[in-house]
Amino acid sequence: MSETPAPPIQLVPGNSLITKTPEEGRMLAIKMSRLIIKATQPDNAVRERLRGVYAEDAGMLIAIGQTVATEFATIAAANNYWR
């Protein structure tokens, strides 16, 4: 019996980086960062197991913050820095 493949992950929710506010942009950046992890490691059980590893590793937590910051910078530029 073959498994039905999972639907593709939409890496840019709503296919748009445009948000009304910087706060919404930051939330989108976090969501997009999480989607990258899901796309990179599609096995939910593996992701759950690894959560405990990075939760205790300061370097990994900093890397997560950098990923969100990079996504946010892209979103901010797309929104003309909400001017």
N, C-alpha and C. Protein backbone atom coordinates (compact mmCIF):
# COMPACT_ATOMS: atom_id res chain seq x y z
N MET A 1 0.85 -1.18 0.00
CA MET A 1 0.00 0.00 0.00
C MET A 1 0.90 1.24 0.00
N SER A 2 0.68 2.15 -0.93
CA SER A 2 1.48 3.36 -0.98
C SER A 2 0.77 4.50 -0.26
N GLU A 3 1.57 5.36 0.31
CA GLU A 3 1.03 6.52 1.03
C GLU A 3 0.73 7.64 0.05
N THR A 4 -0.30 8.39 0.34
CA THR A 4 -0.59 9.57 -0.46
C THR A 4 0.40 10.65 -0.08
N PRO A 5 1.07 11.23 -1.08
CA PRO A 5 2.04 12.28 -0.74
C PRO A 5 1.36 13.48 -0.08
N ALA A 6 2.06 14.09 0.83
CA ALA A 6 1.55 15.28 1.50
C ALA A 6 1.46 16.42 0.49
N PRO A 7 0.46 17.29 0.64
CA PRO A 7 0.38 18.43 -0.28
C PRO A 7 1.61 19.32 -0.10
N PRO A 8 2.00 20.00 -1.15
CA PRO A 8 3.18 20.86 -1.02
C PRO A 8 2.94 21.97 0.02
N ILE A 9 4.01 22.34 0.68
CA ILE A 9 3.95 23.39 1.69
C ILE A 9 3.99 24.74 0.97
N GLN A 10 3.07 25.62 1.33
CA GLN A 10 3.09 26.98 0.78
C GLN A 10 4.05 27.79 1.65
N LEU A 11 5.24 28.07 1.13
CA LEU A 11 6.28 28.73 1.91
C LEU A 11 6.04 30.21 2.12
N VAL A 12 5.23 30.83 1.28
CA VAL A 12 4.82 32.23 1.48
C VAL A 12 3.31 32.21 1.65
N PRO A 13 2.84 32.20 2.90
CA PRO A 13 1.41 32.11 3.15
C PRO A 13 0.63 33.20 2.39
N GLY A 14 -0.41 32.77 1.69
CA GLY A 14 -1.20 33.73 0.91
C GLY A 14 -0.47 34.25 -0.31
N ASN A 15 0.73 33.72 -0.57
CA ASN A 15 1.56 34.12 -1.70
C ASN A 15 1.84 35.62 -1.72
N SER A 16 1.96 36.21 -0.53
CA SER A 16 2.23 37.64 -0.44
C SER A 16 3.05 37.96 0.80
N LEU A 17 3.97 38.89 0.66
CA LEU A 17 4.75 39.37 1.80
C LEU A 17 4.17 40.67 2.36
N ILE A 18 3.11 41.17 1.76
CA ILE A 18 2.53 42.45 2.16
C ILE A 18 1.71 42.26 3.45
N THR A 19 2.01 43.09 4.44
CA THR A 19 1.28 43.07 5.71
C THR A 19 0.87 44.50 6.05
N LYS A 20 -0.14 44.63 6.91
CA LYS A 20 -0.61 45.96 7.28
C LYS A 20 0.32 46.68 8.24
N THR A 21 0.97 45.91 9.12
CA THR A 21 1.79 46.52 10.17
C THR A 21 3.09 45.76 10.34
N PRO A 22 4.08 46.40 10.97
CA PRO A 22 5.31 45.67 11.29
C PRO A 22 5.06 44.46 12.18
N GLU A 23 4.10 44.56 13.11
CA GLU A 23 3.78 43.42 13.97
C GLU A 23 3.30 42.22 13.15
N GLU A 24 2.42 42.49 12.19
CA GLU A 24 1.96 41.41 11.30
C GLU A 24 3.13 40.87 10.48
N GLY A 25 4.03 41.76 10.08
CA GLY A 25 5.22 41.33 9.34
C GLY A 25 6.11 40.42 10.16
N ARG A 26 6.25 40.75 11.43
CA ARG A 26 7.07 39.92 12.32
C ARG A 26 6.43 38.55 12.52
N MET A 27 5.11 38.53 12.68
CA MET A 27 4.41 37.24 12.82
C MET A 27 4.55 36.40 11.54
N LEU A 28 4.49 37.06 10.38
CA LEU A 28 4.68 36.35 9.12
C LEU A 28 6.10 35.80 9.04
N ALA A 29 7.09 36.57 9.48
CA ALA A 29 8.48 36.12 9.46
C ALA A 29 8.65 34.86 10.31
N ILE A 30 8.02 34.83 11.47
CA ILE A 30 8.10 33.66 12.33
C ILE A 30 7.44 32.46 11.65
N LYS A 31 6.27 32.69 11.06
CA LYS A 31 5.57 31.60 10.37
C LYS A 31 6.41 31.06 9.22
N MET A 32 7.00 31.96 8.43
CA MET A 32 7.81 31.53 7.30
C MET A 32 9.04 30.76 7.76
N SER A 33 9.63 31.18 8.86
CA SER A 33 10.79 30.46 9.41
C SER A 33 10.40 29.06 9.83
N ARG A 34 9.24 28.92 10.44
CA ARG A 34 8.75 27.60 10.84
C ARG A 34 8.47 26.73 9.63
N LEU A 35 7.94 27.33 8.57
CA LEU A 35 7.65 26.56 7.36
C LEU A 35 8.93 26.04 6.71
N ILE A 36 10.01 26.82 6.79
CA ILE A 36 11.29 26.36 6.24
C ILE A 36 11.75 25.10 6.97
N ILE A 37 11.60 25.09 8.29
CA ILE A 37 11.98 23.91 9.07
C ILE A 37 11.12 22.72 8.64
N LYS A 38 9.82 22.94 8.48
CA LYS A 38 8.91 21.87 8.08
C LYS A 38 9.25 21.35 6.69
N ALA A 39 9.62 22.23 5.78
CA ALA A 39 9.98 21.81 4.43
C ALA A 39 11.31 21.05 4.43
N THR A 40 12.23 21.49 5.28
CA THR A 40 13.54 20.84 5.36
C THR A 40 13.45 19.48 6.02
N GLN A 41 12.64 19.39 7.09
CA GLN A 41 12.45 18.12 7.80
C GLN A 41 10.94 17.83 7.85
N PRO A 42 10.41 17.16 6.83
CA PRO A 42 8.97 16.94 6.77
C PRO A 42 8.43 15.93 7.79
N ASP A 43 9.28 15.15 8.42
CA ASP A 43 8.82 14.15 9.38
C ASP A 43 8.52 14.80 10.73
N ASN A 44 7.24 14.86 11.07
CA ASN A 44 6.82 15.51 12.31
C ASN A 44 7.45 14.88 13.54
N ALA A 45 7.58 13.56 13.56
CA ALA A 45 8.16 12.87 14.72
C ALA A 45 9.61 13.29 14.92
N VAL A 46 10.35 13.44 13.85
CA VAL A 46 11.75 13.88 13.95
C VAL A 46 11.81 15.31 14.46
N ARG A 47 10.95 16.18 13.92
CA ARG A 47 10.94 17.57 14.40
C ARG A 47 10.62 17.64 15.88
N GLU A 48 9.64 16.85 16.33
CA GLU A 48 9.28 16.83 17.75
C GLU A 48 10.47 16.38 18.60
N ARG A 49 11.16 15.35 18.14
CA ARG A 49 12.31 14.83 18.89
C ARG A 49 13.44 15.87 18.97
N LEU A 50 13.64 16.60 17.90
CA LEU A 50 14.74 17.57 17.85
C LEU A 50 14.45 18.84 18.65
N ARG A 51 13.18 19.12 18.91
CA ARG A 51 12.81 20.33 19.64
C ARG A 51 13.56 20.43 20.97
N GLY A 52 13.64 19.33 21.68
CA GLY A 52 14.35 19.32 22.96
C GLY A 52 15.83 19.61 22.81
N VAL A 53 16.40 19.22 21.68
CA VAL A 53 17.83 19.46 21.43
C VAL A 53 18.09 20.95 21.28
N TYR A 54 17.36 21.60 20.37
CA TYR A 54 17.66 23.02 20.14
C TYR A 54 17.13 23.91 21.25
N ALA A 55 16.17 23.45 22.02
CA ALA A 55 15.65 24.25 23.14
C ALA A 55 16.71 24.46 24.22
N GLU A 56 17.69 23.58 24.26
CA GLU A 56 18.75 23.65 25.28
C GLU A 56 20.08 24.15 24.71
N ASP A 57 20.10 24.57 23.46
CA ASP A 57 21.34 24.97 22.80
C ASP A 57 21.27 26.44 22.42
N ALA A 58 22.01 27.27 23.14
CA ALA A 58 21.97 28.72 22.91
C ALA A 58 22.35 29.07 21.47
N GLY A 59 23.32 28.40 20.92
CA GLY A 59 23.74 28.68 19.55
C GLY A 59 22.64 28.41 18.54
N MET A 60 21.91 27.32 18.76
CA MET A 60 20.80 27.00 17.86
C MET A 60 19.67 28.00 18.01
N LEU A 61 19.41 28.45 19.23
CA LEU A 61 18.36 29.45 19.44
C LEU A 61 18.73 30.77 18.78
N ILE A 62 19.99 31.14 18.84
CA ILE A 62 20.45 32.35 18.17
C ILE A 62 20.27 32.20 16.66
N ALA A 63 20.60 31.02 16.12
CA ALA A 63 20.44 30.78 14.69
C ALA A 63 18.97 30.91 14.28
N ILE A 64 18.07 30.43 15.12
CA ILE A 64 16.64 30.57 14.83
C ILE A 64 16.26 32.05 14.78
N GLY A 65 16.75 32.82 15.76
CA GLY A 65 16.49 34.26 15.77
C GLY A 65 17.03 34.94 14.52
N GLN A 66 18.19 34.51 14.05
CA GLN A 66 18.76 35.10 12.84
C GLN A 66 17.91 34.76 11.61
N THR A 67 17.36 33.57 11.57
CA THR A 67 16.51 33.18 10.46
C THR A 67 15.25 34.05 10.42
N VAL A 68 14.65 34.24 11.59
CA VAL A 68 13.46 35.10 11.66
C VAL A 68 13.82 36.53 11.25
N ALA A 69 14.96 37.02 11.71
CA ALA A 69 15.38 38.38 11.37
C ALA A 69 15.59 38.53 9.86
N THR A 70 16.14 37.53 9.22
CA THR A 70 16.34 37.58 7.77
C THR A 70 15.00 37.61 7.05
N GLU A 71 14.09 36.75 7.47
CA GLU A 71 12.75 36.74 6.87
C GLU A 71 12.07 38.11 7.09
N PHE A 72 12.19 38.65 8.30
CA PHE A 72 11.55 39.94 8.61
C PHE A 72 12.14 41.06 7.76
N ALA A 73 13.44 41.05 7.54
CA ALA A 73 14.07 42.08 6.71
C ALA A 73 13.51 42.04 5.28
N THR A 74 13.30 40.85 4.76
CA THR A 74 12.73 40.69 3.43
C THR A 74 11.30 41.23 3.39
N ILE A 75 10.51 40.88 4.41
CA ILE A 75 9.12 41.34 4.49
C ILE A 75 9.06 42.86 4.65
N ALA A 76 9.93 43.41 5.49
CA ALA A 76 9.95 44.87 5.69
C ALA A 76 10.28 45.59 4.38
N ALA A 77 11.24 45.07 3.64
CA ALA A 77 11.58 45.69 2.35
C ALA A 77 10.40 45.61 1.38
N ALA A 78 9.72 44.47 1.36
CA ALA A 78 8.56 44.31 0.47
C ALA A 78 7.43 45.29 0.83
N ASN A 79 7.39 45.69 2.08
CA ASN A 79 6.36 46.61 2.56
C ASN A 79 6.85 48.06 2.60
N ASN A 80 7.98 48.32 1.94
CA ASN A 80 8.56 49.65 1.94
C ASN A 80 8.71 50.19 3.37
N TYR A 81 9.04 49.27 4.27
CA TYR A 81 9.26 49.59 5.68
C TYR A 81 8.07 50.31 6.31
N TRP A 82 6.87 49.98 5.81
CA TRP A 82 5.58 50.48 6.32
C TRP A 82 5.48 52.00 6.30
N ARG A 83 6.10 52.60 5.30
CA ARG A 83 6.00 54.07 5.15
C ARG A 83 4.75 54.45 4.42
